[in-house]
C-alpha atoms as a PDB file:
ATOM      1  CA  PRO A   1     -99.031   7.074 -26.206  1.00  0.00           C
ATOM      2  CA  CYS A   2    -100.232  10.564 -27.173  1.00  0.00           C
ATOM      3  CA  LEU A   3     -97.186  12.158 -25.520  1.00  0.00           C
ATOM      4  CA  TYR A   4     -94.359   9.930 -26.717  1.00  0.00           C
ATOM      5  CA  TRP A   5     -93.191  12.573 -29.200  1.00  0.00           C
ATOM      6  CA  LEU A   6     -92.093  14.922 -26.423  1.00  0.00           C
ATOM      7  CA  ALA A   7     -88.860  12.983 -26.086  1.00  0.00           C
ATOM      8  CA  ILE A   8     -87.915  13.698 -29.723  1.00  0.00           C
ATOM      9  CA  PRO A   9     -87.581  17.532 -29.616  1.00  0.00           C
ATOM     10  CA  VAL A  10     -85.940  17.330 -26.201  1.00  0.00           C
ATOM     11  CA  HIS A  11     -83.327  14.991 -27.690  1.00  0.00           C
ATOM     12  CA  ASP A  12     -82.953  16.540 -31.150  1.00  0.00           C
ATOM     13  CA  PHE A  13     -83.121  20.245 -30.233  1.00  0.00           C
ATOM     14  CA  GLY A  14     -82.496  20.284 -26.503  1.00  0.00           C
ATOM     15  CA  GLY A  15     -79.364  18.176 -26.872  1.00  0.00           C
ATOM     16  CA  LEU A  16     -80.212  15.744 -24.068  1.00  0.00           C
ATOM     17  CA  PRO A  17     -79.196  12.082 -24.446  1.00  0.00           C
ATOM     18  CA  TRP A  18     -82.013   9.574 -24.898  1.00  0.00           C
ATOM     19  CA  VAL A  19     -81.535   8.303 -21.356  1.00  0.00           C
ATOM     20  CA  LEU A  20     -82.648  11.749 -20.125  1.00  0.00           C
ATOM     21  CA  ALA A  21     -84.977  12.702 -23.004  1.00  0.00           C
ATOM     22  CA  ALA A  22     -87.194   9.606 -22.844  1.00  0.00           C
ATOM     23  CA  PRO A  23     -88.218  10.198 -19.200  1.00  0.00           C
ATOM     24  CA  CYS A  24     -89.517  13.652 -20.170  1.00  0.00           C
ATOM     25  CA  ALA A  25     -92.438  12.034 -22.004  1.00  0.00           C
ATOM     26  CA  LEU A  26     -92.979   9.651 -19.098  1.00  0.00           C
ATOM     27  CA  LEU A  27     -92.990  12.494 -16.597  1.00  0.00           C
ATOM     28  CA  MET A  28     -95.485  14.468 -18.666  1.00  0.00           C
ATOM     29  CA  GLY A  29     -97.694  11.401 -18.934  1.00  0.00           C
ATOM     30  CA  ALA A  30     -97.464  10.929 -15.181  1.00  0.00           C
ATOM     31  CA  TYR A  31     -98.488  14.547 -14.660  1.00  0.00           C
ATOM     32  CA  VAL A  32    -101.534  14.172 -16.899  1.00  0.00           C
ATOM     33  CA  GLY A  33    -102.365  10.870 -15.204  1.00  0.00           C
ATOM     34  CA  LEU A  34    -102.263  12.591 -11.846  1.00  0.00           C
ATOM     35  CA  TYR A  35    -105.659  14.137 -12.557  1.00  0.00           C
ATOM     36  CA  GLY A  36    -107.131  10.716 -13.238  1.00  0.00           C
ATOM     37  CA  GLY A  37    -105.602   9.540  -9.976  1.00  0.00           C
ATOM     38  CA  LEU A  38    -107.221  12.422  -8.104  1.00  0.00           C
ATOM     39  CA  PHE A  39    -110.555  11.513  -9.659  1.00  0.00           C
ATOM     40  CA  ALA A  40    -110.145   7.895  -8.527  1.00  0.00           C
ATOM     41  CA  ALA A  41    -109.288   9.089  -5.009  1.00  0.00           C
ATOM     42  CA  LEU A  42    -112.440  11.211  -4.932  1.00  0.00           C
ATOM     43  CA  ALA A  43    -114.504   8.248  -6.142  1.00  0.00           C
ATOM     44  CA  HIS A  44    -113.115   6.235  -3.231  1.00  0.00           C
ATOM     45  CA  ALA A  45    -113.809   9.066  -0.779  1.00  0.00           C
ATOM     46  CA  PHE A  46    -117.448   9.340  -1.953  1.00  0.00           C
ATOM     47  CA  ARG A  47    -118.093   5.593  -1.850  1.00  0.00           C
ATOM     48  CA  THR A  48    -120.423   5.823   1.163  1.00  0.00           C
ATOM     49  CA  GLU A  49    -122.583   8.575  -0.320  1.00  0.00           C
ATOM     50  CA  PRO A  50    -125.928   7.808  -1.976  1.00  0.00           C
ATOM     51  CA  VAL A  51    -125.605   6.854  -5.639  1.00  0.00           C
ATOM     52  CA  TRP A  52    -127.163   9.988  -7.095  1.00  0.00           C
ATOM     53  CA  ARG A  53    -125.050  12.255  -4.910  1.00  0.00           C
ATOM     54  CA  ARG A  54    -121.882  10.302  -5.656  1.00  0.00           C
ATOM     55  CA  CYS A  55    -122.378  10.405  -9.424  1.00  0.00           C
ATOM     56  CA  LEU A  56    -123.264  14.106  -9.348  1.00  0.00           C
ATOM     57  CA  ALA A  57    -120.184  14.910  -7.262  1.00  0.00           C
ATOM     58  CA  LEU A  58    -117.915  12.897  -9.543  1.00  0.00           C
ATOM     59  CA  GLY A  59    -119.315  14.609 -12.635  1.00  0.00           C
ATOM     60  CA  VAL A  60    -118.589  18.004 -11.088  1.00  0.00           C
ATOM     61  CA  ALA A  61    -115.150  16.778  -9.986  1.00  0.00           C
ATOM     62  CA  TRP A  62    -114.279  15.713 -13.537  1.00  0.00           C
ATOM     63  CA  TYR A  63    -115.349  19.112 -14.823  1.00  0.00           C
ATOM     64  CA  VAL A  64    -113.204  20.936 -12.244  1.00  0.00           C
ATOM     65  CA  LEU A  65    -110.162  18.702 -12.773  1.00  0.00           C
ATOM     66  CA  GLU A  66    -110.207  19.162 -16.549  1.00  0.00           C
ATOM     67  CA  TRP A  67    -110.631  22.910 -16.104  1.00  0.00           C
ATOM     68  CA  VAL A  68    -107.709  23.085 -13.662  1.00  0.00           C
ATOM     69  CA  ARG A  69    -105.534  20.973 -15.967  1.00  0.00           C
ATOM     70  CA  GLY A  70    -106.237  23.452 -18.778  1.00  0.00           C
ATOM     71  CA  TRP A  71    -105.105  26.361 -16.580  1.00  0.00           C
ATOM     72  CA  PHE A  72    -102.598  25.222 -13.935  1.00  0.00           C
ATOM     73  CA  LEU A  73     -98.889  25.690 -14.784  1.00  0.00           C
ATOM     74  CA  THR A  74     -99.746  27.305 -18.148  1.00  0.00           C
ATOM     75  CA  GLY A  75    -102.384  24.635 -18.849  1.00  0.00           C
ATOM     76  CA  PHE A  76    -102.590  21.335 -20.681  1.00  0.00           C
ATOM     77  CA  PRO A  77    -106.041  21.277 -22.350  1.00  0.00           C
ATOM     78  CA  TRP A  78    -105.286  18.317 -24.626  1.00  0.00           C
ATOM     79  CA  LEU A  79    -106.973  14.908 -24.395  1.00  0.00           C
ATOM     80  CA  ALA A  80    -110.214  16.120 -22.818  1.00  0.00           C
ATOM     81  CA  LEU A  81    -112.964  13.523 -22.401  1.00  0.00           C
ATOM     82  CA  ALA A  82    -115.354  15.330 -24.745  1.00  0.00           C
ATOM     83  CA  SER A  83    -112.790  15.213 -27.567  1.00  0.00           C
ATOM     84  CA  ALA A  84    -112.980  11.403 -27.524  1.00  0.00           C
ATOM     85  CA  PHE A  85    -116.532  11.689 -28.894  1.00  0.00           C
ATOM     86  CA  THR A  86    -115.670  13.804 -31.932  1.00  0.00           C
ATOM     87  CA  PRO A  87    -116.091  10.836 -34.343  1.00  0.00           C
ATOM     88  CA  TRP A  88    -119.761  10.773 -33.257  1.00  0.00           C
ATOM     89  CA  THR A  89    -120.788  14.323 -34.062  1.00  0.00           C
ATOM     90  CA  PRO A  90    -124.218  14.346 -32.347  1.00  0.00           C
ATOM     91  CA  PHE A  91    -122.603  13.593 -28.981  1.00  0.00           C
ATOM     92  CA  ILE A  92    -120.543  16.793 -28.955  1.00  0.00           C
ATOM     93  CA  GLN A  93    -123.176  19.350 -30.012  1.00  0.00           C
ATOM     94  CA  LEU A  94    -124.079  20.059 -26.385  1.00  0.00           C
ATOM     95  CA  ALA A  95    -120.599  21.581 -25.976  1.00  0.00           C
ATOM     96  CA  SER A  96    -121.994  24.663 -27.721  1.00  0.00           C
ATOM     97  CA  VAL A  97    -124.160  25.206 -24.628  1.00  0.00           C
ATOM     98  CA  ILE A  98    -122.107  23.961 -21.650  1.00  0.00           C
ATOM     99  CA  GLY A  99    -118.598  23.935 -23.126  1.00  0.00           C
ATOM    100  CA  ALA A 100    -116.209  21.040 -23.649  1.00  0.00           C
ATOM    101  CA  TYR A 101    -115.371  20.777 -19.950  1.00  0.00           C
ATOM    102  CA  GLY A 102    -119.041  20.850 -19.012  1.00  0.00           C
ATOM    103  CA  LEU A 103    -119.804  18.118 -21.526  1.00  0.00           C
ATOM    104  CA  GLY A 104    -116.898  16.070 -20.177  1.00  0.00           C
ATOM    105  CA  GLY A 105    -118.253  16.380 -16.647  1.00  0.00           C
ATOM    106  CA  LEU A 106    -121.732  15.330 -17.776  1.00  0.00           C
ATOM    107  CA  LEU A 107    -120.353  12.322 -19.652  1.00  0.00           C
ATOM    108  CA  ALA A 108    -118.239  11.349 -16.646  1.00  0.00           C
ATOM    109  CA  GLY A 109    -121.220  11.556 -14.294  1.00  0.00           C
ATOM    110  CA  LEU A 110    -123.393   9.450 -16.594  1.00  0.00           C
ATOM    111  CA  SER A 111    -120.578   6.926 -17.004  1.00  0.00           C
ATOM    112  CA  CYS A 112    -120.334   6.609 -13.222  1.00  0.00           C
ATOM    113  CA  LEU A 113    -124.098   6.089 -13.087  1.00  0.00           C
ATOM    114  CA  ALA A 114    -123.852   3.387 -15.754  1.00  0.00           C
ATOM    115  CA  ALA A 115    -121.005   1.705 -13.848  1.00  0.00           C
ATOM    116  CA  GLU A 116    -123.078   1.728 -10.658  1.00  0.00           C
ATOM    117  CA  GLY A 117    -125.921   0.085 -12.523  1.00  0.00           C
ATOM    118  CA  ALA A 118    -123.697  -2.532 -14.145  1.00  0.00           C
ATOM    119  CA  GLY A 119    -122.252  -3.430 -10.753  1.00  0.00           C
ATOM    120  CA  ARG A 120    -125.707  -4.234  -9.387  1.00  0.00           C
ATOM    121  CA  LEU A 121    -127.033  -6.398 -12.211  1.00  0.00           C
ATOM    122  CA  SER A 122    -126.281  -9.584 -10.312  1.00  0.00           C
ATOM    123  CA  GLY A 123    -127.921 -10.741  -7.111  1.00  0.00           C
ATOM    124  CA  SER A 124    -130.708  -9.060  -5.191  1.00  0.00           C
ATOM    125  CA  SER A 125    -129.855  -5.577  -6.496  1.00  0.00           C
ATOM    126  CA  ARG A 126    -130.668  -6.431 -10.105  1.00  0.00           C
ATOM    127  CA  ALA A 127    -133.764  -4.212 -10.218  1.00  0.00           C
ATOM    128  CA  SER A 128    -131.821  -1.278  -8.817  1.00  0.00           C
ATOM    129  CA  GLY A 129    -129.017  -1.909 -11.316  1.00  0.00           C
ATOM    130  CA  LEU A 130    -131.422  -1.942 -14.227  1.00  0.00           C
ATOM    131  CA  ARG A 131    -132.968   1.302 -13.038  1.00  0.00           C
ATOM    132  CA  LEU A 132    -129.587   3.041 -12.740  1.00  0.00           C
ATOM    133  CA  ALA A 133    -128.393   1.714 -16.108  1.00  0.00           C
ATOM    134  CA  GLY A 134    -131.642   2.880 -17.662  1.00  0.00           C
ATOM    135  CA  LEU A 135    -131.208   6.379 -16.235  1.00  0.00           C
ATOM    136  CA  ALA A 136    -127.660   6.516 -17.611  1.00  0.00           C
ATOM    137  CA  ALA A 137    -128.834   5.302 -21.014  1.00  0.00           C
ATOM    138  CA  ALA A 138    -131.575   7.929 -20.992  1.00  0.00           C
ATOM    139  CA  GLY A 139    -128.995  10.612 -20.245  1.00  0.00           C
ATOM    140  CA  PHE A 140    -126.793   9.541 -23.138  1.00  0.00           C
ATOM    141  CA  ALA A 141    -129.862   9.365 -25.369  1.00  0.00           C
ATOM    142  CA  LEU A 142    -130.841  12.922 -24.458  1.00  0.00           C
ATOM    143  CA  ILE A 143    -127.335  14.155 -25.330  1.00  0.00           C
ATOM    144  CA  ALA A 144    -127.545  12.405 -28.691  1.00  0.00           C
ATOM    145  CA  ALA A 145    -131.102  13.652 -29.288  1.00  0.00           C
ATOM    146  CA  TYR A 146    -130.018  17.231 -28.671  1.00  0.00           C
ATOM    147  CA  GLY A 147    -127.132  16.709 -31.068  1.00  0.00           C
ATOM    148  CA  PHE A 148    -129.292  15.273 -33.829  1.00  0.00           C
ATOM    149  CA  GLY A 149    -131.756  18.116 -33.347  1.00  0.00           C
ATOM    150  CA  ALA A 150    -129.026  20.748 -33.494  1.00  0.00           C
ATOM    151  CA  LEU A 151    -127.549  19.222 -36.631  1.00  0.00           C
ATOM    152  CA  SER A 152    -130.908  18.880 -38.361  1.00  0.00           C
ATOM    153  CA  GLY A 153    -131.692  22.523 -37.633  1.00  0.00           C
ATOM    154  CA  ALA A 154    -128.389  23.780 -39.021  1.00  0.00           C
ATOM    155  CA  PRO A 155    -128.531  25.377 -42.487  1.00  0.00           C
ATOM    156  CA  SER A 156    -127.651  22.831 -45.142  1.00  0.00           C
ATOM    157  CA  GLY A 157    -126.171  25.448 -47.481  1.00  0.00           C
ATOM    158  CA  GLY A 158    -126.324  23.480 -50.709  1.00  0.00           C
ATOM    159  CA  PRO A 159    -123.527  21.422 -52.250  1.00  0.00           C
ATOM    160  CA  ALA A 160    -120.587  19.928 -50.393  1.00  0.00           C
ATOM    161  CA  ARG A 161    -117.484  22.068 -50.151  1.00  0.00           C
ATOM    162  CA  TYR A 162    -113.954  20.737 -49.998  1.00  0.00           C
ATOM    163  CA  VAL A 163    -110.916  21.742 -47.977  1.00  0.00           C
ATOM    164  CA  ALA A 164    -107.393  20.328 -48.393  1.00  0.00           C
ATOM    165  CA  LEU A 165    -104.521  20.140 -45.903  1.00  0.00           C
ATOM    166  CA  ALA A 166    -100.843  20.224 -46.891  1.00  0.00           C
ATOM    167  CA  GLN A 167     -97.985  19.075 -44.656  1.00  0.00           C
ATOM    168  CA  GLY A 168     -94.486  19.800 -45.928  1.00  0.00           C
ATOM    169  CA  SER A 169     -92.633  17.554 -43.447  1.00  0.00           C
ATOM    170  CA  LEU A 170     -89.559  19.778 -43.444  1.00  0.00           C
ATOM    171  CA  ASN A 171     -86.901  19.482 -40.768  1.00  0.00           C
ATOM    172  CA  GLN A 172     -87.470  22.086 -38.072  1.00  0.00           C
ATOM    173  CA  ASP A 173     -83.745  22.582 -37.520  1.00  0.00           C
ATOM    174  CA  VAL A 174     -83.106  23.776 -41.078  1.00  0.00           C
ATOM    175  CA  LYS A 175     -86.310  25.356 -42.345  1.00  0.00           C
ATOM    176  CA  TRP A 176     -85.542  28.696 -40.664  1.00  0.00           C
ATOM    177  CA  GLU A 177     -82.281  29.096 -42.566  1.00  0.00           C
ATOM    178  CA  PRO A 178     -82.565  31.789 -45.303  1.00  0.00           C
ATOM    179  CA  ALA A 179     -81.549  29.308 -47.999  1.00  0.00           C
ATOM    180  CA  MET A 180     -84.489  27.084 -47.078  1.00  0.00           C
ATOM    181  CA  GLN A 181     -87.190  29.749 -47.259  1.00  0.00           C
ATOM    182  CA  ARG A 182     -87.768  29.590 -51.015  1.00  0.00           C
ATOM    183  CA  LEU A 183     -87.497  25.786 -50.984  1.00  0.00           C
ATOM    184  CA  THR A 184     -90.147  25.659 -48.262  1.00  0.00           C
ATOM    185  CA  VAL A 185     -92.527  27.821 -50.285  1.00  0.00           C
ATOM    186  CA  LYS A 186     -91.944  25.702 -53.395  1.00  0.00           C
ATOM    187  CA  ARG A 187     -92.622  22.538 -51.413  1.00  0.00           C
ATOM    188  CA  TYR A 188     -95.972  23.781 -50.141  1.00  0.00           C
ATOM    189  CA  LEU A 189     -97.051  25.198 -53.485  1.00  0.00           C
ATOM    190  CA  SER A 190     -96.221  21.868 -55.132  1.00  0.00           C
ATOM    191  CA  LEU A 191     -98.256  19.942 -52.563  1.00  0.00           C
ATOM    192  CA  SER A 192    -101.128  22.381 -52.967  1.00  0.00           C
ATOM    193  CA  ARG A 193    -101.154  21.977 -56.749  1.00  0.00           C
ATOM    194  CA  GLU A 194    -101.362  18.221 -56.253  1.00  0.00           C
ATOM    195  CA  ALA A 195    -104.344  18.744 -53.953  1.00  0.00           C
ATOM    196  CA  LEU A 196    -106.049  20.829 -56.637  1.00  0.00           C
ATOM    197  CA  SER A 197    -105.477  18.267 -59.413  1.00  0.00           C
ATOM    198  CA  VAL A 198    -108.764  16.464 -58.744  1.00  0.00           C
ATOM    199  CA  PRO A 199    -112.119  16.439 -60.537  1.00  0.00           C
ATOM    200  CA  ALA A 200    -113.743  19.857 -60.599  1.00  0.00           C
ATOM    201  CA  ALA A 201    -116.627  18.703 -58.407  1.00  0.00           C
ATOM    202  CA  GLU A 202    -114.186  17.818 -55.602  1.00  0.00           C
ATOM    203  CA  ARG A 203    -111.753  20.679 -56.029  1.00  0.00           C
ATOM    204  CA  PRO A 204    -110.824  22.312 -52.681  1.00  0.00           C
ATOM    205  CA  GLU A 205    -111.890  25.896 -52.144  1.00  0.00           C
ATOM    206  CA  LEU A 206    -109.556  26.364 -49.175  1.00  0.00           C
ATOM    207  CA  LEU A 207    -106.005  25.106 -48.641  1.00  0.00           C
ATOM    208  CA  ILE A 208    -104.716  24.925 -45.069  1.00  0.00           C
ATOM    209  CA  TRP A 209    -101.011  24.837 -44.188  1.00  0.00           C
ATOM    210  CA  PRO A 210     -99.652  24.101 -40.684  1.00  0.00           C
ATOM    211  CA  GLU A 211     -98.726  26.653 -38.044  1.00  0.00           C
ATOM    212  CA  THR A 212     -95.399  28.395 -38.754  1.00  0.00           C
ATOM    213  CA  ALA A 213     -95.239  26.526 -42.076  1.00  0.00           C
ATOM    214  CA  MET A 214     -93.800  29.681 -43.701  1.00  0.00           C
ATOM    215  CA  PRO A 215     -90.449  30.551 -42.038  1.00  0.00           C
ATOM    216  CA  PHE A 216     -90.354  34.263 -42.842  1.00  0.00           C
ATOM    217  CA  ASP A 217     -91.989  37.568 -41.936  1.00  0.00           C
ATOM    218  CA  TYR A 218     -95.121  37.504 -44.073  1.00  0.00           C
ATOM    219  CA  GLN A 219     -95.854  41.178 -43.436  1.00  0.00           C
ATOM    220  CA  ARG A 220     -92.471  42.550 -44.540  1.00  0.00           C
ATOM    221  CA  HIS A 221     -90.767  39.977 -46.743  1.00  0.00           C
ATOM    222  CA  ALA A 222     -90.165  41.464 -50.182  1.00  0.00           C
ATOM    223  CA  GLU A 223     -90.763  38.450 -52.413  1.00  0.00           C
ATOM    224  CA  LEU A 224     -92.169  35.229 -50.975  1.00  0.00           C
ATOM    225  CA  PRO A 225     -95.602  36.483 -49.800  1.00  0.00           C
ATOM    226  CA  ALA A 226     -96.200  37.721 -53.356  1.00  0.00           C
ATOM    227  CA  LEU A 227     -95.745  34.153 -54.603  1.00  0.00           C
ATOM    228  CA  LEU A 228     -98.484  32.968 -52.252  1.00  0.00           C
ATOM    229  CA  ARG A 229    -100.899  35.698 -53.308  1.00  0.00           C
ATOM    230  CA  GLN A 230    -100.157  34.974 -56.965  1.00  0.00           C
ATOM    231  CA  PHE A 231    -100.868  31.272 -56.416  1.00  0.00           C
ATOM    232  CA  ALA A 232    -104.211  32.128 -54.782  1.00  0.00           C
ATOM    233  CA  ARG A 233    -105.182  34.344 -57.742  1.00  0.00           C
ATOM    234  CA  GLU A 234    -104.096  31.886 -60.424  1.00  0.00           C
ATOM    235  CA  THR A 235    -105.892  28.928 -58.840  1.00  0.00           C
ATOM    236  CA  GLY A 236    -108.884  30.812 -57.436  1.00  0.00           C
ATOM    237  CA  THR A 237    -108.267  29.093 -54.101  1.00  0.00           C
ATOM    238  CA  ALA A 238    -108.112  30.593 -50.615  1.00  0.00           C
ATOM    239  CA  LEU A 239    -105.074  29.927 -48.411  1.00  0.00           C
ATOM    240  CA  LEU A 240    -104.869  29.692 -44.631  1.00  0.00           C
ATOM    241  CA  ILE A 241    -101.167  29.666 -43.799  1.00  0.00           C
ATOM    242  CA  GLY A 242     -99.089  29.665 -40.643  1.00  0.00           C
ATOM    243  CA  ALA A 243     -96.234  32.172 -40.315  1.00  0.00           C
ATOM    244  CA  PRO A 244     -94.716  34.240 -37.508  1.00  0.00           C
ATOM    245  CA  GLY A 245     -96.144  37.700 -36.979  1.00  0.00           C
ATOM    246  CA  PHE A 246     -94.292  40.637 -35.463  1.00  0.00           C
ATOM    247  CA  ARG A 247     -95.337  43.791 -33.612  1.00  0.00           C
ATOM    248  CA  PRO A 248     -92.703  46.479 -32.893  1.00  0.00           C
ATOM    249  CA  ARG A 249     -92.274  47.627 -29.301  1.00  0.00           C
ATOM    250  CA  ALA A 250     -91.172  50.968 -27.912  1.00  0.00           C
ATOM    251  CA  ASP A 251     -87.838  49.507 -26.785  1.00  0.00           C
ATOM    252  CA  GLY A 252     -86.882  48.671 -30.372  1.00  0.00           C
ATOM    253  CA  GLU A 253     -87.596  44.957 -30.024  1.00  0.00           C
ATOM    254  CA  ALA A 254     -90.698  43.179 -31.373  1.00  0.00           C
ATOM    255  CA  ASP A 255     -93.332  40.850 -29.985  1.00  0.00           C
ATOM    256  CA  THR A 256     -93.560  37.608 -31.960  1.00  0.00           C
ATOM    257  CA  PHE A 257     -96.857  35.805 -32.555  1.00  0.00           C
ATOM    258  CA  ASN A 258     -97.721  32.348 -33.835  1.00  0.00           C
ATOM    259  CA  ARG A 259    -100.019  33.642 -36.547  1.00  0.00           C
ATOM    260  CA  ALA A 260    -102.415  32.269 -39.154  1.00  0.00           C
ATOM    261  CA  TYR A 261    -102.942  34.449 -42.246  1.00  0.00           C
ATOM    262  CA  LEU A 262    -105.982  34.140 -44.509  1.00  0.00           C
ATOM    263  CA  ILE A 263    -105.541  34.930 -48.216  1.00  0.00           C
ATOM    264  CA  SER A 264    -108.610  35.215 -50.440  1.00  0.00           C
ATOM    265  CA  PRO A 265    -108.959  33.566 -53.886  1.00  0.00           C
ATOM    266  CA  THR A 266    -108.289  37.024 -55.357  1.00  0.00           C
ATOM    267  CA  GLY A 267    -104.924  37.231 -53.576  1.00  0.00           C
ATOM    268  CA  ALA A 268    -106.082  39.767 -50.982  1.00  0.00           C
ATOM    269  CA  ASP A 269    -105.080  39.511 -47.333  1.00  0.00           C
ATOM    270  CA  LEU A 270    -108.271  39.035 -45.324  1.00  0.00           C
ATOM    271  CA  GLY A 271    -106.776  39.118 -41.837  1.00  0.00           C
ATOM    272  CA  TRP A 272    -104.975  36.977 -39.305  1.00  0.00           C
ATOM    273  CA  TYR A 273    -105.427  35.132 -36.033  1.00  0.00           C
ATOM    274  CA  ASP A 274    -102.747  34.914 -33.314  1.00  0.00           C
ATOM    275  CA  LYS A 275    -102.520  31.752 -31.219  1.00  0.00           C
ATOM    276  CA  ALA A 276    -103.551  32.567 -27.643  1.00  0.00           C
ATOM    277  CA  HIS A 277    -102.752  29.369 -25.709  1.00  0.00           C
ATOM    278  CA  LEU A 278     -99.095  28.662 -26.361  1.00  0.00           C
ATOM    279  CA  VAL A 279     -97.251  25.385 -25.802  1.00  0.00           C
ATOM    280  CA  PRO A 280     -94.525  25.552 -23.135  1.00  0.00           C
ATOM    281  CA  PHE A 281     -90.987  24.826 -24.388  1.00  0.00           C
ATOM    282  CA  GLY A 282     -92.149  24.597 -28.005  1.00  0.00           C
ATOM    283  CA  GLU A 283     -93.286  28.222 -28.238  1.00  0.00           C
ATOM    284  CA  TYR A 284     -92.063  29.846 -25.025  1.00  0.00           C
ATOM    285  CA  VAL A 285     -90.206  28.992 -21.834  1.00  0.00           C
ATOM    286  CA  PRO A 286     -92.120  29.573 -18.561  1.00  0.00           C
ATOM    287  CA  PRO A 287     -90.243  32.095 -16.386  1.00  0.00           C
ATOM    288  CA  TYR A 288     -89.844  29.603 -13.548  1.00  0.00           C
ATOM    289  CA  LEU A 289     -88.135  27.108 -15.917  1.00  0.00           C
ATOM    290  CA  ASP A 290     -85.947  29.461 -17.934  1.00  0.00           C
ATOM    291  CA  ILE A 291     -83.001  27.053 -18.098  1.00  0.00           C
ATOM    292  CA  PRO A 292     -80.364  27.475 -20.856  1.00  0.00           C
ATOM    293  CA  PHE A 293     -80.646  23.928 -22.274  1.00  0.00           C
ATOM    294  CA  LEU A 294     -84.395  24.393 -22.779  1.00  0.00           C
ATOM    295  CA  ARG A 295     -83.942  27.428 -25.045  1.00  0.00           C
ATOM    296  CA  PRO A 296     -83.074  25.364 -28.179  1.00  0.00           C
ATOM    297  CA  LEU A 297     -86.562  23.784 -27.994  1.00  0.00           C
ATOM    298  CA  LEU A 298     -88.139  27.044 -29.149  1.00  0.00           C
ATOM    299  CA  GLN A 299     -89.107  27.682 -32.761  1.00  0.00           C
ATOM    300  CA  GLY A 300     -86.417  29.264 -34.919  1.00  0.00           C
ATOM    301  CA  VAL A 301     -87.958  32.734 -34.536  1.00  0.00           C
ATOM    302  CA  GLY A 302     -87.573  32.646 -30.747  1.00  0.00           C
ATOM    303  CA  GLU A 303     -90.183  33.066 -28.045  1.00  0.00           C
ATOM    304  CA  PHE A 304     -93.822  33.733 -28.940  1.00  0.00           C
ATOM    305  CA  VAL A 305     -96.257  35.840 -26.924  1.00  0.00           C
ATOM    306  CA  PRO A 306    -100.001  35.056 -26.593  1.00  0.00           C
ATOM    307  CA  GLY A 307    -102.312  36.525 -29.176  1.00  0.00           C
ATOM    308  CA  GLU A 308    -104.868  39.210 -28.383  1.00  0.00           C
ATOM    309  CA  ARG A 309    -107.155  38.992 -31.440  1.00  0.00           C
ATOM    310  CA  THR A 310    -109.958  36.516 -30.748  1.00  0.00           C
ATOM    311  CA  GLY A 311    -112.396  37.233 -33.577  1.00  0.00           C
ATOM    312  CA  PRO A 312    -112.941  34.575 -36.272  1.00  0.00           C
ATOM    313  CA  LEU A 313    -111.478  34.802 -39.749  1.00  0.00           C
ATOM    314  CA  THR A 314    -114.162  35.048 -42.433  1.00  0.00           C
ATOM    315  CA  LEU A 315    -113.926  33.998 -46.051  1.00  0.00           C
ATOM    316  CA  PRO A 316    -116.479  34.767 -48.787  1.00  0.00           C
ATOM    317  CA  LEU A 317    -117.997  31.536 -50.038  1.00  0.00           C
ATOM    318  CA  LEU A 318    -117.258  30.526 -53.590  1.00  0.00           C
ATOM    319  CA  SER A 319    -119.712  29.520 -56.259  1.00  0.00           C
ATOM    320  CA  GLY A 320    -119.241  26.258 -58.093  1.00  0.00           C
ATOM    321  CA  LYS A 321    -117.500  28.109 -60.955  1.00  0.00           C
ATOM    322  CA  GLY A 322    -114.971  29.866 -58.794  1.00  0.00           C
ATOM    323  CA  GLY A 323    -116.720  33.222 -58.408  1.00  0.00           C
ATOM    324  CA  LEU A 324    -117.553  34.936 -55.153  1.00  0.00           C
ATOM    325  CA  ARG A 325    -120.998  35.040 -53.643  1.00  0.00           C
ATOM    326  CA  GLY A 326    -122.482  36.208 -50.386  1.00  0.00           C
ATOM    327  CA  GLY A 327    -121.877  34.495 -47.089  1.00  0.00           C
ATOM    328  CA  ASP A 328    -118.979  33.536 -44.901  1.00  0.00           C
ATOM    329  CA  ALA A 329    -117.120  30.297 -44.367  1.00  0.00           C
END
């Protein structure tokens, strides 16, 4: 169900009829499911191994399969096991040490251990099942304990700070037209003003707009970027906006980046971040699948290239009255 939407751009922008567009989502789901099938095949192959060795091997296998899925054929790092635990913050803190794939492998191994224990709770193996289930529960408890400890040791930093998200919901097939540029900016500024019309204690200090929300060259456009900087100054609110970025090449062409720009509450440009892991067909066409009917799936600016700047964007923290103070957010 997380991939159903793939059929929509293939139909709307690729021009394929629904009878051909709908299977695209099914094929992508089948590809992602292939990794789960490989894991199940490995579980069957290891069925005669001792329990501890089998669970350890399957945990490592899950780690490797998720890593390969995030790299093979340009990579598909979505829907990782560790991301399923994000509603329970303590369970994901260990990712800061072993990474998301490492945490996924550990969770998979412990889940296999718990399943082994549950399968032995009846009959003569009940004691063994309880022991295995207890070991699995202890493993999950240690993950949670580390998480609670990491969160309790983090700096509290004082009062709560608020961030607002704005989504313009503009049609992708028209927003890149010159006539739509000003309308797009007005739409996002209007939504942002609504987000700021809340009690002062809950007023957002940072407004975030989606990737490529602004359909123009932020670095060189003569008028529209000035409107964004003016809005930031007038409201005393920082903006993190998505817009294409361009870098001239020696051949007269330009590299295009999927870029996020950070604007300070004073209207100053604080820097940008270029997306490094691009989405095939939405942001570029892999060379081995450069087929004419796939070209319309790209964003209106054309094909993006991976970013090279990996440093974080930093924003001076605001005081409760809108002034600047030390620290980064």
